[in-house]
Amino acid sequence: MPKAYVFTRYGGPETEALVDMDRPDPGPGRLLVAVRAAGVNPVDWKQRNGFRRPGEPEERAFPVVFGNEVSGVVEEIGDGVEGFAVGDEVFGPALAGGYAEYALVPAAIAAHKPADLPHTVAATLPVAAATAYDGVRQLDLPTGATLLVTGAGGGVGAAAVQIARAFGLRVVGVASEGKKDFVESLGAVHVTSGPGWAELARATAPDGVYDLVGGRVLAEAAELLTDRSKLVTAGAPEEEVRRLGGARVVRARNAAVLREVAQLALEGNLDPHITATFPLDRAGDALRTVEEGHARGKTVIEVTR
């Protein structure tokens, strides 16, 4: 039977297991994808801890497969799907988990993978890169403006820095001292996170802030702006950022964005900086790399067949 990496209840790593699961039925409007690679994101372990996105059901049916983004090959097509064929290489968000040999992807927000784009790279785009893209577009800063990115050393942050640079923005990246070289290699001015970071950042006169941390960092970042409409976050709840005059990132969740970020990757303007890859039977190690906060760039699970 196909393998999948799951959590069996809410809690910590002790709830995780590699299990046998039936191959999913695609159903109307969906693609059954034979997974070649799955991206690993902080939201994955947060969901194991009980985090729910807006609109998600209060109760989950366990076991729950980890993972929210995949790249692979179409194995089967659900009713009503047009524009895809069995054997097509595709990438997109995983409906019911992606750390698995098979995943379900909504056809409406899946994209054909360019032939020159490796599966490992494509698998990093639907969550981190697309979130970064949506936030930078939402801010709509003019060419030459300065964007400050908090959490610039993580997967979404690194993508946001690069996308903003590709759009002609000057970027200031807030990250730990240990990630200074990495952030500067992306083309950003580095500001060390921690006590006093905001005063250091004030001298850079940011025109907009893309926050990926939340909490006190978000509040301190807001104080750097004269126009709070240029404050967006993917690191804090809607009510928290609205109190400060900003907004949550509005996710487009469409195939057009996936095609855009894939093109940026093909052109060399977006490198996910994959720093660690793991096979499916070591998915727990991959998740721990991200959960413990030591990852630079992206971690990917490769699924061999």
C-alpha atoms as a PDB file:
ATOM      1  CA  MET A   1       0.000   0.000   0.000  1.00  0.00           C
ATOM      2  CA  PRO A   2       1.108   3.602  -0.532  1.00  0.00           C
ATOM      3  CA  LYS A   3       3.009   5.258   2.299  1.00  0.00           C
ATOM      4  CA  ALA A   4       2.177   8.541   4.005  1.00  0.00           C
ATOM      5  CA  TYR A   5       3.596  10.452   6.971  1.00  0.00           C
ATOM      6  CA  VAL A   6       0.828  11.418   9.384  1.00  0.00           C
ATOM      7  CA  PHE A   7      -0.048  12.682  12.825  1.00  0.00           C
ATOM      8  CA  THR A   8      -2.535  10.527  14.714  1.00  0.00           C
ATOM      9  CA  ARG A   9      -3.706  13.185  17.197  1.00  0.00           C
ATOM     10  CA  TYR A  10      -2.814  16.713  18.239  1.00  0.00           C
ATOM     11  CA  GLY A  11       0.451  17.027  20.104  1.00  0.00           C
ATOM     12  CA  GLY A  12       4.182  16.828  19.524  1.00  0.00           C
ATOM     13  CA  PRO A  13       6.489  14.593  17.488  1.00  0.00           C
ATOM     14  CA  GLU A  14       5.292  11.558  19.453  1.00  0.00           C
ATOM     15  CA  THR A  15       2.035  11.716  17.435  1.00  0.00           C
ATOM     16  CA  GLU A  16       3.802  11.187  14.094  1.00  0.00           C
ATOM     17  CA  ALA A  17       4.098   7.956  12.104  1.00  0.00           C
ATOM     18  CA  LEU A  18       4.826   6.587   8.626  1.00  0.00           C
ATOM     19  CA  VAL A  19       1.805   4.466   7.736  1.00  0.00           C
ATOM     20  CA  ASP A  20       0.166   2.578   4.909  1.00  0.00           C
ATOM     21  CA  MET A  21      -2.860   4.368   3.452  1.00  0.00           C
ATOM     22  CA  ASP A  22      -5.273   3.669   0.631  1.00  0.00           C
ATOM     23  CA  ARG A  23      -4.632   5.531  -2.588  1.00  0.00           C
ATOM     24  CA  PRO A  24      -6.945   8.571  -2.580  1.00  0.00           C
ATOM     25  CA  ASP A  25      -9.874   8.881  -4.985  1.00  0.00           C
ATOM     26  CA  PRO A  26      -9.516  12.181  -6.865  1.00  0.00           C
ATOM     27  CA  GLY A  27     -13.209  13.074  -6.972  1.00  0.00           C
ATOM     28  CA  PRO A  28     -14.671  15.888  -9.076  1.00  0.00           C
ATOM     29  CA  GLY A  29     -12.344  18.780  -9.895  1.00  0.00           C
ATOM     30  CA  ARG A  30      -9.240  17.110  -8.484  1.00  0.00           C
ATOM     31  CA  LEU A  31      -6.040  15.535  -9.687  1.00  0.00           C
ATOM     32  CA  LEU A  32      -4.500  12.433  -8.140  1.00  0.00           C
ATOM     33  CA  VAL A  33      -0.775  13.149  -8.235  1.00  0.00           C
ATOM     34  CA  ALA A  34       2.040  10.655  -7.783  1.00  0.00           C
ATOM     35  CA  VAL A  35       4.251  12.793  -5.581  1.00  0.00           C
ATOM     36  CA  ARG A  36       7.873  13.354  -6.538  1.00  0.00           C
ATOM     37  CA  ALA A  37       8.619  16.072  -3.968  1.00  0.00           C
ATOM     38  CA  ALA A  38       6.855  17.827  -1.094  1.00  0.00           C
ATOM     39  CA  GLY A  39       7.783  21.135   0.495  1.00  0.00           C
ATOM     40  CA  VAL A  40       8.109  21.396   4.283  1.00  0.00           C
ATOM     41  CA  ASN A  41       6.715  24.502   5.985  1.00  0.00           C
ATOM     42  CA  PRO A  42       6.206  25.768   9.551  1.00  0.00           C
ATOM     43  CA  VAL A  43       2.438  25.498   9.085  1.00  0.00           C
ATOM     44  CA  ASP A  44       2.855  21.719   8.854  1.00  0.00           C
ATOM     45  CA  TRP A  45       3.944  21.231  12.451  1.00  0.00           C
ATOM     46  CA  LYS A  46       1.619  24.000  13.608  1.00  0.00           C
ATOM     47  CA  GLN A  47      -1.319  22.016  12.201  1.00  0.00           C
ATOM     48  CA  ARG A  48      -0.139  19.005  14.206  1.00  0.00           C
ATOM     49  CA  ASN A  49      -0.327  21.259  17.269  1.00  0.00           C
ATOM     50  CA  GLY A  50      -3.937  22.163  16.469  1.00  0.00           C
ATOM     51  CA  PHE A  51      -3.591  25.240  14.248  1.00  0.00           C
ATOM     52  CA  ARG A  52      -6.464  25.703  11.793  1.00  0.00           C
ATOM     53  CA  ARG A  53      -6.639  28.047   8.843  1.00  0.00           C
ATOM     54  CA  PRO A  54      -9.819  30.129   8.472  1.00  0.00           C
ATOM     55  CA  GLY A  55     -12.577  27.952   7.055  1.00  0.00           C
ATOM     56  CA  GLU A  56     -11.016  24.657   8.091  1.00  0.00           C
ATOM     57  CA  PRO A  57     -13.245  22.296  10.120  1.00  0.00           C
ATOM     58  CA  GLU A  58     -13.103  22.371  13.909  1.00  0.00           C
ATOM     59  CA  GLU A  59     -12.423  18.634  14.047  1.00  0.00           C
ATOM     60  CA  ARG A  60     -10.064  16.659  11.841  1.00  0.00           C
ATOM     61  CA  ALA A  61     -10.458  13.000  10.964  1.00  0.00           C
ATOM     62  CA  PHE A  62      -7.260  11.313  12.125  1.00  0.00           C
ATOM     63  CA  PRO A  63      -4.799  10.254  10.901  1.00  0.00           C
ATOM     64  CA  VAL A  64      -3.937  13.487   9.072  1.00  0.00           C
ATOM     65  CA  VAL A  65      -1.260  13.485   6.387  1.00  0.00           C
ATOM     66  CA  PHE A  66       1.349  16.225   6.776  1.00  0.00           C
ATOM     67  CA  GLY A  67       2.204  18.676   4.032  1.00  0.00           C
ATOM     68  CA  ASN A  68       0.614  21.425   1.967  1.00  0.00           C
ATOM     69  CA  GLU A  69       2.577  21.636  -1.312  1.00  0.00           C
ATOM     70  CA  VAL A  70       3.705  19.033  -3.836  1.00  0.00           C
ATOM     71  CA  SER A  71       5.104  18.454  -7.278  1.00  0.00           C
ATOM     72  CA  GLY A  72       4.570  15.241  -9.190  1.00  0.00           C
ATOM     73  CA  VAL A  73       2.914  13.416 -12.065  1.00  0.00           C
ATOM     74  CA  VAL A  74      -0.824  13.183 -12.733  1.00  0.00           C
ATOM     75  CA  GLU A  75      -1.926   9.614 -12.063  1.00  0.00           C
ATOM     76  CA  GLU A  76      -5.690  10.013 -12.354  1.00  0.00           C
ATOM     77  CA  ILE A  77      -8.147  12.785 -13.194  1.00  0.00           C
ATOM     78  CA  GLY A  78     -11.437  13.512 -11.431  1.00  0.00           C
ATOM     79  CA  ASP A  79     -14.710  14.316 -13.175  1.00  0.00           C
ATOM     80  CA  GLY A  80     -15.021  17.752 -14.714  1.00  0.00           C
ATOM     81  CA  VAL A  81     -11.290  18.403 -14.974  1.00  0.00           C
ATOM     82  CA  GLU A  82     -10.043  19.990 -18.180  1.00  0.00           C
ATOM     83  CA  GLY A  83      -6.577  21.030 -19.295  1.00  0.00           C
ATOM     84  CA  PHE A  84      -4.710  18.128 -17.690  1.00  0.00           C
ATOM     85  CA  ALA A  85      -3.879  14.601 -18.809  1.00  0.00           C
ATOM     86  CA  VAL A  86      -2.504  11.521 -17.111  1.00  0.00           C
ATOM     87  CA  GLY A  87       1.281  11.762 -17.180  1.00  0.00           C
ATOM     88  CA  ASP A  88       1.418  15.568 -16.965  1.00  0.00           C
ATOM     89  CA  GLU A  89       3.979  16.974 -14.549  1.00  0.00           C
ATOM     90  CA  VAL A  90       2.221  19.394 -12.206  1.00  0.00           C
ATOM     91  CA  PHE A  91       2.678  21.275  -8.955  1.00  0.00           C
ATOM     92  CA  GLY A  92       0.262  22.863  -6.536  1.00  0.00           C
ATOM     93  CA  PRO A  93      -1.282  22.815  -3.050  1.00  0.00           C
ATOM     94  CA  ALA A  94      -2.054  19.432  -1.505  1.00  0.00           C
ATOM     95  CA  LEU A  95      -5.650  19.070  -0.343  1.00  0.00           C
ATOM     96  CA  ALA A  96      -5.217  16.217   2.124  1.00  0.00           C
ATOM     97  CA  GLY A  97      -1.495  16.181   2.775  1.00  0.00           C
ATOM     98  CA  GLY A  98       1.632  15.960   0.656  1.00  0.00           C
ATOM     99  CA  TYR A  99       4.138  13.873   2.643  1.00  0.00           C
ATOM    100  CA  ALA A 100       2.942  10.825   0.777  1.00  0.00           C
ATOM    101  CA  GLU A 101       3.330   8.735  -2.324  1.00  0.00           C
ATOM    102  CA  TYR A 102       0.002  10.101  -3.608  1.00  0.00           C
ATOM    103  CA  ALA A 103      -1.675  13.465  -3.047  1.00  0.00           C
ATOM    104  CA  LEU A 104      -4.834  15.234  -4.159  1.00  0.00           C
ATOM    105  CA  VAL A 105      -4.424  18.615  -5.860  1.00  0.00           C
ATOM    106  CA  PRO A 106      -7.335  20.898  -6.872  1.00  0.00           C
ATOM    107  CA  ALA A 107      -7.193  21.177 -10.653  1.00  0.00           C
ATOM    108  CA  ALA A 108      -8.331  24.815 -10.540  1.00  0.00           C
ATOM    109  CA  ILE A 109      -5.201  25.880  -8.651  1.00  0.00           C
ATOM    110  CA  ALA A 110      -2.680  23.417 -10.067  1.00  0.00           C
ATOM    111  CA  ALA A 111      -0.126  24.397 -12.692  1.00  0.00           C
ATOM    112  CA  HIS A 112       1.861  22.482 -15.272  1.00  0.00           C
ATOM    113  CA  LYS A 113       5.463  22.163 -14.157  1.00  0.00           C
ATOM    114  CA  PRO A 114       7.931  23.604 -16.662  1.00  0.00           C
ATOM    115  CA  ALA A 115      10.161  20.839 -18.004  1.00  0.00           C
ATOM    116  CA  ASP A 116      13.335  22.648 -16.920  1.00  0.00           C
ATOM    117  CA  LEU A 117      12.143  23.126 -13.348  1.00  0.00           C
ATOM    118  CA  PRO A 118      13.091  20.232 -11.024  1.00  0.00           C
ATOM    119  CA  HIS A 119      10.325  18.692  -8.922  1.00  0.00           C
ATOM    120  CA  THR A 120      12.234  19.637  -5.776  1.00  0.00           C
ATOM    121  CA  VAL A 121      12.104  23.319  -6.730  1.00  0.00           C
ATOM    122  CA  ALA A 122       8.489  23.234  -7.949  1.00  0.00           C
ATOM    123  CA  ALA A 123       7.399  21.670  -4.654  1.00  0.00           C
ATOM    124  CA  THR A 124       8.626  24.735  -2.739  1.00  0.00           C
ATOM    125  CA  LEU A 125       6.520  27.224  -4.705  1.00  0.00           C
ATOM    126  CA  PRO A 126       2.793  26.719  -3.879  1.00  0.00           C
ATOM    127  CA  VAL A 127       3.015  27.775  -0.210  1.00  0.00           C
ATOM    128  CA  ALA A 128       6.170  29.739   0.583  1.00  0.00           C
ATOM    129  CA  ALA A 129       6.873  31.405  -2.758  1.00  0.00           C
ATOM    130  CA  ALA A 130       3.217  32.034  -3.582  1.00  0.00           C
ATOM    131  CA  THR A 131       2.620  33.550  -0.131  1.00  0.00           C
ATOM    132  CA  ALA A 132       5.667  35.765  -0.621  1.00  0.00           C
ATOM    133  CA  TYR A 133       4.466  36.803  -4.078  1.00  0.00           C
ATOM    134  CA  ASP A 134       0.957  37.617  -2.871  1.00  0.00           C
ATOM    135  CA  GLY A 135       2.271  39.799  -0.050  1.00  0.00           C
ATOM    136  CA  VAL A 136       4.682  41.769  -2.202  1.00  0.00           C
ATOM    137  CA  ARG A 137       1.983  42.338  -4.822  1.00  0.00           C
ATOM    138  CA  GLN A 138      -0.505  43.398  -2.161  1.00  0.00           C
ATOM    139  CA  LEU A 139       1.845  46.092  -0.855  1.00  0.00           C
ATOM    140  CA  ASP A 140       2.150  47.464  -4.398  1.00  0.00           C
ATOM    141  CA  LEU A 141       5.208  49.591  -3.654  1.00  0.00           C
ATOM    142  CA  PRO A 142       6.670  51.651  -6.502  1.00  0.00           C
ATOM    143  CA  THR A 143       9.999  50.787  -8.086  1.00  0.00           C
ATOM    144  CA  GLY A 144      12.856  51.992  -5.911  1.00  0.00           C
ATOM    145  CA  ALA A 145      10.853  51.943  -2.666  1.00  0.00           C
ATOM    146  CA  THR A 146      12.212  50.201   0.429  1.00  0.00           C
ATOM    147  CA  LEU A 147      10.523  47.069   1.758  1.00  0.00           C
ATOM    148  CA  LEU A 148      11.360  45.705   5.198  1.00  0.00           C
ATOM    149  CA  VAL A 149      10.876  41.936   5.611  1.00  0.00           C
ATOM    150  CA  THR A 150      10.820  40.420   9.088  1.00  0.00           C
ATOM    151  CA  GLY A 151      11.757  36.754   9.304  1.00  0.00           C
ATOM    152  CA  ALA A 152      13.806  37.194   6.144  1.00  0.00           C
ATOM    153  CA  GLY A 153      15.872  34.062   6.733  1.00  0.00           C
ATOM    154  CA  GLY A 154      12.991  31.571   6.450  1.00  0.00           C
ATOM    155  CA  GLY A 155      11.311  30.032   3.420  1.00  0.00           C
ATOM    156  CA  VAL A 156       8.673  32.725   2.861  1.00  0.00           C
ATOM    157  CA  GLY A 157      11.056  35.501   3.896  1.00  0.00           C
ATOM    158  CA  ALA A 158      13.808  34.474   1.512  1.00  0.00           C
ATOM    159  CA  ALA A 159      11.293  34.245  -1.317  1.00  0.00           C
ATOM    160  CA  ALA A 160       9.818  37.656  -0.452  1.00  0.00           C
ATOM    161  CA  VAL A 161      13.252  39.271  -0.505  1.00  0.00           C
ATOM    162  CA  GLN A 162      14.020  37.855  -3.941  1.00  0.00           C
ATOM    163  CA  ILE A 163      10.613  38.617  -5.446  1.00  0.00           C
ATOM    164  CA  ALA A 164      10.736  42.180  -4.148  1.00  0.00           C
ATOM    165  CA  ARG A 165      14.205  42.593  -5.622  1.00  0.00           C
ATOM    166  CA  ALA A 166      12.934  41.265  -8.965  1.00  0.00           C
ATOM    167  CA  PHE A 167      10.204  43.915  -8.827  1.00  0.00           C
ATOM    168  CA  GLY A 168      12.803  46.668  -8.411  1.00  0.00           C
ATOM    169  CA  LEU A 169      12.507  47.259  -4.668  1.00  0.00           C
ATOM    170  CA  ARG A 170      15.252  47.923  -2.147  1.00  0.00           C
ATOM    171  CA  VAL A 171      14.922  45.313   0.610  1.00  0.00           C
ATOM    172  CA  VAL A 172      15.863  45.290   4.284  1.00  0.00           C
ATOM    173  CA  GLY A 173      15.815  41.824   5.839  1.00  0.00           C
ATOM    174  CA  VAL A 174      15.429  41.254   9.589  1.00  0.00           C
ATOM    175  CA  ALA A 175      16.919  37.937  10.699  1.00  0.00           C
ATOM    176  CA  SER A 176      19.256  36.458  13.278  1.00  0.00           C
ATOM    177  CA  GLU A 177      22.964  37.299  13.194  1.00  0.00           C
ATOM    178  CA  GLY A 178      23.627  33.710  12.118  1.00  0.00           C
ATOM    179  CA  LYS A 179      21.631  34.317   8.936  1.00  0.00           C
ATOM    180  CA  LYS A 180      23.357  37.608   8.058  1.00  0.00           C
ATOM    181  CA  ASP A 181      25.426  36.211   5.203  1.00  0.00           C
ATOM    182  CA  PHE A 182      22.416  34.352   3.807  1.00  0.00           C
ATOM    183  CA  VAL A 183      20.145  37.412   3.859  1.00  0.00           C
ATOM    184  CA  GLU A 184      22.826  39.591   2.279  1.00  0.00           C
ATOM    185  CA  SER A 185      23.401  36.961  -0.420  1.00  0.00           C
ATOM    186  CA  LEU A 186      19.758  37.474  -1.427  1.00  0.00           C
ATOM    187  CA  GLY A 187      20.464  41.151  -2.071  1.00  0.00           C
ATOM    188  CA  ALA A 188      18.981  42.594   1.134  1.00  0.00           C
ATOM    189  CA  VAL A 189      20.405  44.929   3.751  1.00  0.00           C
ATOM    190  CA  HIS A 190      20.584  42.825   6.923  1.00  0.00           C
ATOM    191  CA  VAL A 191      19.288  43.966  10.313  1.00  0.00           C
ATOM    192  CA  THR A 192      19.916  41.674  13.258  1.00  0.00           C
ATOM    193  CA  SER A 193      16.744  40.517  14.999  1.00  0.00           C
ATOM    194  CA  GLY A 194      16.339  40.755  18.761  1.00  0.00           C
ATOM    195  CA  PRO A 195      16.259  43.660  21.204  1.00  0.00           C
ATOM    196  CA  GLY A 196      16.872  46.999  19.512  1.00  0.00           C
ATOM    197  CA  TRP A 197      16.317  45.763  15.960  1.00  0.00           C
ATOM    198  CA  ALA A 198      13.639  48.386  15.220  1.00  0.00           C
ATOM    199  CA  GLU A 199      15.925  51.320  15.988  1.00  0.00           C
ATOM    200  CA  LEU A 200      18.518  49.900  13.622  1.00  0.00           C
ATOM    201  CA  ALA A 201      15.851  49.418  10.960  1.00  0.00           C
ATOM    202  CA  ARG A 202      14.448  52.926  11.401  1.00  0.00           C
ATOM    203  CA  ALA A 203      17.522  54.365   9.694  1.00  0.00           C
ATOM    204  CA  THR A 204      16.630  52.446   6.510  1.00  0.00           C
ATOM    205  CA  ALA A 205      13.311  54.397   6.230  1.00  0.00           C
ATOM    206  CA  PRO A 206      11.094  51.561   5.005  1.00  0.00           C
ATOM    207  CA  ASP A 207       8.107  52.434   2.821  1.00  0.00           C
ATOM    208  CA  GLY A 208       6.424  49.102   3.519  1.00  0.00           C
ATOM    209  CA  VAL A 209       6.693  46.107   5.840  1.00  0.00           C
ATOM    210  CA  TYR A 210       6.078  42.446   5.069  1.00  0.00           C
ATOM    211  CA  ASP A 211       5.916  40.737   8.462  1.00  0.00           C
ATOM    212  CA  LEU A 212       6.460  36.998   8.876  1.00  0.00           C
ATOM    213  CA  VAL A 213       6.906  36.915  12.647  1.00  0.00           C
ATOM    214  CA  GLY A 214       3.955  38.590  14.377  1.00  0.00           C
ATOM    215  CA  GLY A 215       3.714  39.531  18.034  1.00  0.00           C
ATOM    216  CA  ARG A 216       6.033  42.212  19.362  1.00  0.00           C
ATOM    217  CA  VAL A 217       8.056  42.254  16.137  1.00  0.00           C
ATOM    218  CA  LEU A 218       4.936  43.137  14.148  1.00  0.00           C
ATOM    219  CA  ALA A 219       4.015  45.909  16.591  1.00  0.00           C
ATOM    220  CA  GLU A 220       7.536  47.356  16.489  1.00  0.00           C
ATOM    221  CA  ALA A 221       7.600  47.154  12.693  1.00  0.00           C
ATOM    222  CA  ALA A 222       4.326  49.086  12.479  1.00  0.00           C
ATOM    223  CA  GLU A 223       5.940  51.983  14.346  1.00  0.00           C
ATOM    224  CA  LEU A 224       8.430  52.374  11.494  1.00  0.00           C
ATOM    225  CA  LEU A 225       5.728  53.310   8.985  1.00  0.00           C
ATOM    226  CA  THR A 226       3.927  56.576   8.385  1.00  0.00           C
ATOM    227  CA  ASP A 227       1.385  54.776   6.167  1.00  0.00           C
ATOM    228  CA  ARG A 228       0.068  51.714   8.004  1.00  0.00           C
ATOM    229  CA  SER A 229      -1.766  50.523   4.874  1.00  0.00           C
ATOM    230  CA  LYS A 230       1.699  49.423   3.743  1.00  0.00           C
ATOM    231  CA  LEU A 231       1.907  46.874   6.566  1.00  0.00           C
ATOM    232  CA  VAL A 232       1.008  43.274   5.729  1.00  0.00           C
ATOM    233  CA  THR A 233       1.610  40.100   7.697  1.00  0.00           C
ATOM    234  CA  ALA A 234       1.579  36.375   7.167  1.00  0.00           C
ATOM    235  CA  GLY A 235       2.812  35.875  10.717  1.00  0.00           C
ATOM    236  CA  ALA A 236      -0.099  37.161  12.812  1.00  0.00           C
ATOM    237  CA  PRO A 237      -3.901  36.817  13.004  1.00  0.00           C
ATOM    238  CA  GLU A 238      -6.151  39.290  11.193  1.00  0.00           C
ATOM    239  CA  GLU A 239      -7.357  41.001  14.377  1.00  0.00           C
ATOM    240  CA  GLU A 240      -3.794  41.566  15.592  1.00  0.00           C
ATOM    241  CA  VAL A 241      -2.618  43.356  12.467  1.00  0.00           C
ATOM    242  CA  ARG A 242      -5.865  45.302  12.007  1.00  0.00           C
ATOM    243  CA  ARG A 243      -5.399  46.872  15.441  1.00  0.00           C
ATOM    244  CA  LEU A 244      -2.137  48.249  14.085  1.00  0.00           C
ATOM    245  CA  GLY A 245      -3.717  49.567  10.884  1.00  0.00           C
ATOM    246  CA  GLY A 246      -2.368  46.842   8.574  1.00  0.00           C
ATOM    247  CA  ALA A 247      -3.778  43.714   6.964  1.00  0.00           C
ATOM    248  CA  ARG A 248      -3.217  40.015   6.549  1.00  0.00           C
ATOM    249  CA  VAL A 249      -1.812  38.830   3.244  1.00  0.00           C
ATOM    250  CA  VAL A 250      -4.689  38.029   0.917  1.00  0.00           C
ATOM    251  CA  ARG A 251      -3.813  34.775  -0.785  1.00  0.00           C
ATOM    252  CA  ALA A 252      -4.700  34.633  -4.471  1.00  0.00           C
ATOM    253  CA  ARG A 253      -4.588  30.802  -4.533  1.00  0.00           C
ATOM    254  CA  ASN A 254      -4.705  30.461  -8.295  1.00  0.00           C
ATOM    255  CA  ALA A 255      -2.698  28.836 -11.047  1.00  0.00           C
ATOM    256  CA  ALA A 256      -1.641  32.196 -12.467  1.00  0.00           C
ATOM    257  CA  VAL A 257       0.441  32.954  -9.366  1.00  0.00           C
ATOM    258  CA  LEU A 258       2.051  29.519  -9.556  1.00  0.00           C
ATOM    259  CA  ARG A 259       3.003  30.169 -13.155  1.00  0.00           C
ATOM    260  CA  GLU A 260       4.442  33.568 -12.202  1.00  0.00           C
ATOM    261  CA  VAL A 261       6.649  32.203  -9.412  1.00  0.00           C
ATOM    262  CA  ALA A 262       7.742  29.297 -11.615  1.00  0.00           C
ATOM    263  CA  GLN A 263       8.814  31.798 -14.271  1.00  0.00           C
ATOM    264  CA  LEU A 264      10.757  33.804 -11.689  1.00  0.00           C
ATOM    265  CA  ALA A 265      12.532  30.591 -10.689  1.00  0.00           C
ATOM    266  CA  LEU A 266      13.315  29.702 -14.302  1.00  0.00           C
ATOM    267  CA  GLU A 267      14.734  33.186 -14.906  1.00  0.00           C
ATOM    268  CA  GLY A 268      17.022  32.879 -11.890  1.00  0.00           C
ATOM    269  CA  ASN A 269      15.204  35.600  -9.944  1.00  0.00           C
ATOM    270  CA  LEU A 270      13.835  33.189  -7.338  1.00  0.00           C
ATOM    271  CA  ASP A 271      15.972  30.488  -5.761  1.00  0.00           C
ATOM    272  CA  PRO A 272      14.211  28.605  -2.935  1.00  0.00           C
ATOM    273  CA  HIS A 273      17.649  27.815  -1.478  1.00  0.00           C
ATOM    274  CA  ILE A 274      16.910  24.192  -0.760  1.00  0.00           C
ATOM    275  CA  THR A 275      19.324  23.430   2.039  1.00  0.00           C
ATOM    276  CA  ALA A 276      18.082  19.982   3.054  1.00  0.00           C
ATOM    277  CA  THR A 277      16.325  17.085   1.339  1.00  0.00           C
ATOM    278  CA  PHE A 278      15.023  13.936   2.999  1.00  0.00           C
ATOM    279  CA  PRO A 279      13.401  10.732   1.742  1.00  0.00           C
ATOM    280  CA  LEU A 280       9.808  10.039   2.760  1.00  0.00           C
ATOM    281  CA  ASP A 281      10.867   7.544   5.422  1.00  0.00           C
ATOM    282  CA  ARG A 282      12.770  10.388   7.132  1.00  0.00           C
ATOM    283  CA  ALA A 283       9.938  12.899   6.933  1.00  0.00           C
ATOM    284  CA  GLY A 284      10.098  13.336  10.697  1.00  0.00           C
ATOM    285  CA  ASP A 285      13.693  14.527  10.430  1.00  0.00           C
ATOM    286  CA  ALA A 286      12.659  16.971   7.694  1.00  0.00           C
ATOM    287  CA  LEU A 287       9.870  18.350   9.841  1.00  0.00           C
ATOM    288  CA  ARG A 288      12.142  18.700  12.856  1.00  0.00           C
ATOM    289  CA  THR A 289      14.632  20.716  10.791  1.00  0.00           C
ATOM    290  CA  VAL A 290      11.921  23.309  10.197  1.00  0.00           C
ATOM    291  CA  GLU A 291      10.178  23.038  13.575  1.00  0.00           C
ATOM    292  CA  GLU A 292      13.357  23.740  15.509  1.00  0.00           C
ATOM    293  CA  GLY A 293      13.904  26.933  13.515  1.00  0.00           C
ATOM    294  CA  HIS A 294      17.363  26.118  12.212  1.00  0.00           C
ATOM    295  CA  ALA A 295      16.503  25.848   8.522  1.00  0.00           C
ATOM    296  CA  ARG A 296      17.743  28.449   6.056  1.00  0.00           C
ATOM    297  CA  GLY A 297      15.621  28.591   2.948  1.00  0.00           C
ATOM    298  CA  LYS A 298      13.628  25.445   2.209  1.00  0.00           C
ATOM    299  CA  THR A 299      13.534  21.822   3.274  1.00  0.00           C
ATOM    300  CA  VAL A 300      12.096  19.258   0.838  1.00  0.00           C
ATOM    301  CA  ILE A 301      10.970  15.636   1.018  1.00  0.00           C
ATOM    302  CA  GLU A 302      11.763  13.598  -2.077  1.00  0.00           C
ATOM    303  CA  VAL A 303       9.567  10.628  -2.918  1.00  0.00           C
ATOM    304  CA  THR A 304      11.244   7.925  -4.977  1.00  0.00           C
ATOM    305  CA  ARG A 305       9.266   5.263  -6.778  1.00  0.00           C
END
